[in-house]
């Protein structure tokens, strides 16, 4: 079985996050913030450790982590461009 490319992973995640945004924008905001933060911290820690001591972590891992960090941010940006600010923020 072939490993999906970073672009395929990005598109898949964008669809999932955007469906979440269409369903409930408050939950989508919280999940997007948490997931983007977690993936970003894991990516930063991985890069710092890689800088200190070289490991056998494959290069595609860093691409996947970067895509997983960007997908919730991009999907929230698309949602805001299309529908405006989420209802719970306007009050």
Protein backbone atom coordinates (compact mmCIF):
# COMPACT_ATOMS: atom_id res chain seq x y z
CA UNK A 1 0.00 0.00 0.00
CA UNK A 2 1.37 3.38 -0.99
CA UNK A 3 1.75 6.24 1.47
CA UNK A 4 -0.37 9.29 0.56
CA UNK A 5 1.48 12.43 -0.49
CA UNK A 6 1.41 15.58 1.60
CA UNK A 7 -0.97 17.23 -0.89
CA UNK A 8 -3.41 14.31 -0.66
CA UNK A 9 -3.23 14.46 3.13
CA UNK A 10 -3.82 18.22 3.07
CA UNK A 11 -6.88 17.88 0.84
CA UNK A 12 -8.32 15.07 2.97
CA UNK A 13 -7.83 17.06 6.17
CA UNK A 14 -9.28 20.20 4.60
CA UNK A 15 -12.44 18.30 3.70
CA UNK A 16 -12.76 16.86 7.21
CA UNK A 17 -12.13 20.19 8.95
CA UNK A 18 -14.44 22.08 6.59
CA UNK A 19 -17.26 19.59 7.23
CA UNK A 20 -16.70 20.18 10.93
CA UNK A 21 -16.85 23.96 10.36
CA UNK A 22 -20.09 23.60 8.44
CA UNK A 23 -21.59 21.45 11.20
CA UNK A 24 -20.69 23.48 14.30
CA UNK A 25 -18.40 26.48 14.10
CA UNK A 26 -17.79 26.70 17.85
CA UNK A 27 -16.61 23.09 18.16
CA UNK A 28 -14.63 23.48 14.94
CA UNK A 29 -12.86 26.54 16.36
CA UNK A 30 -11.86 24.70 19.52
CA UNK A 31 -10.77 21.54 17.71
CA UNK A 32 -8.84 23.53 15.09
CA UNK A 33 -6.99 25.53 17.73
CA UNK A 34 -6.13 22.48 19.80
CA UNK A 35 -5.07 20.24 16.91
CA UNK A 36 -3.03 22.97 15.17
CA UNK A 37 -1.29 23.75 18.45
CA UNK A 38 -0.52 20.13 19.25
CA UNK A 39 0.82 19.35 15.77
CA UNK A 40 2.86 22.56 15.77
CA UNK A 41 4.47 21.77 19.13
CA UNK A 42 5.25 18.21 18.07
CA UNK A 43 6.81 19.52 14.85
CA UNK A 44 8.93 22.10 16.69
CA UNK A 45 10.11 19.57 19.28
CA UNK A 46 10.92 17.06 16.54
CA UNK A 47 12.94 19.64 14.62
CA UNK A 48 14.81 20.70 17.76
CA UNK A 49 15.70 17.11 18.63
CA UNK A 50 16.74 16.48 15.02
CA UNK A 51 19.02 19.51 15.24
CA UNK A 52 20.69 18.20 18.38
CA UNK A 53 21.11 14.62 17.25
CA UNK A 54 20.35 13.17 13.86
CA UNK A 55 17.72 10.44 13.91
CA UNK A 56 16.26 8.00 11.45
CA UNK A 57 12.92 9.84 11.22
CA UNK A 58 11.89 9.86 7.55
CA UNK A 59 11.59 13.21 5.79
CA UNK A 60 7.91 12.69 4.96
CA UNK A 61 7.12 12.80 8.71
CA UNK A 62 7.97 16.51 8.84
CA UNK A 63 5.84 17.20 5.77
CA UNK A 64 2.90 15.38 7.36
CA UNK A 65 3.29 17.33 10.58
CA UNK A 66 3.47 20.63 8.70
CA UNK A 67 0.37 19.77 6.69
CA UNK A 68 -1.45 18.70 9.86
CA UNK A 69 -0.56 22.07 11.39
CA UNK A 70 -1.69 24.09 8.38
CA UNK A 71 -4.91 22.23 7.52
CA UNK A 72 -7.06 23.51 10.42
CA UNK A 73 -5.75 27.05 9.92
CA UNK A 74 -6.45 27.02 6.18
CA UNK A 75 -9.92 25.49 6.60
CA UNK A 76 -10.88 28.10 9.19
CA UNK A 77 -9.62 30.83 6.87
CA UNK A 78 -11.69 29.47 3.99
CA UNK A 79 -14.76 29.31 6.22
CA UNK A 80 -14.31 32.91 7.38
CA UNK A 81 -13.79 34.11 3.79
CA UNK A 82 -16.97 32.40 2.59
CA UNK A 83 -19.34 32.78 5.55
CA UNK A 84 -17.82 35.59 7.61
CA UNK A 85 -17.06 35.41 11.30
CA UNK A 86 -18.57 32.50 13.23
CA UNK A 87 -21.89 33.27 14.95
CA UNK A 88 -20.56 32.76 18.46
CA UNK A 89 -17.85 35.42 17.94
CA UNK A 90 -20.24 38.15 16.76
CA UNK A 91 -22.26 38.41 19.98
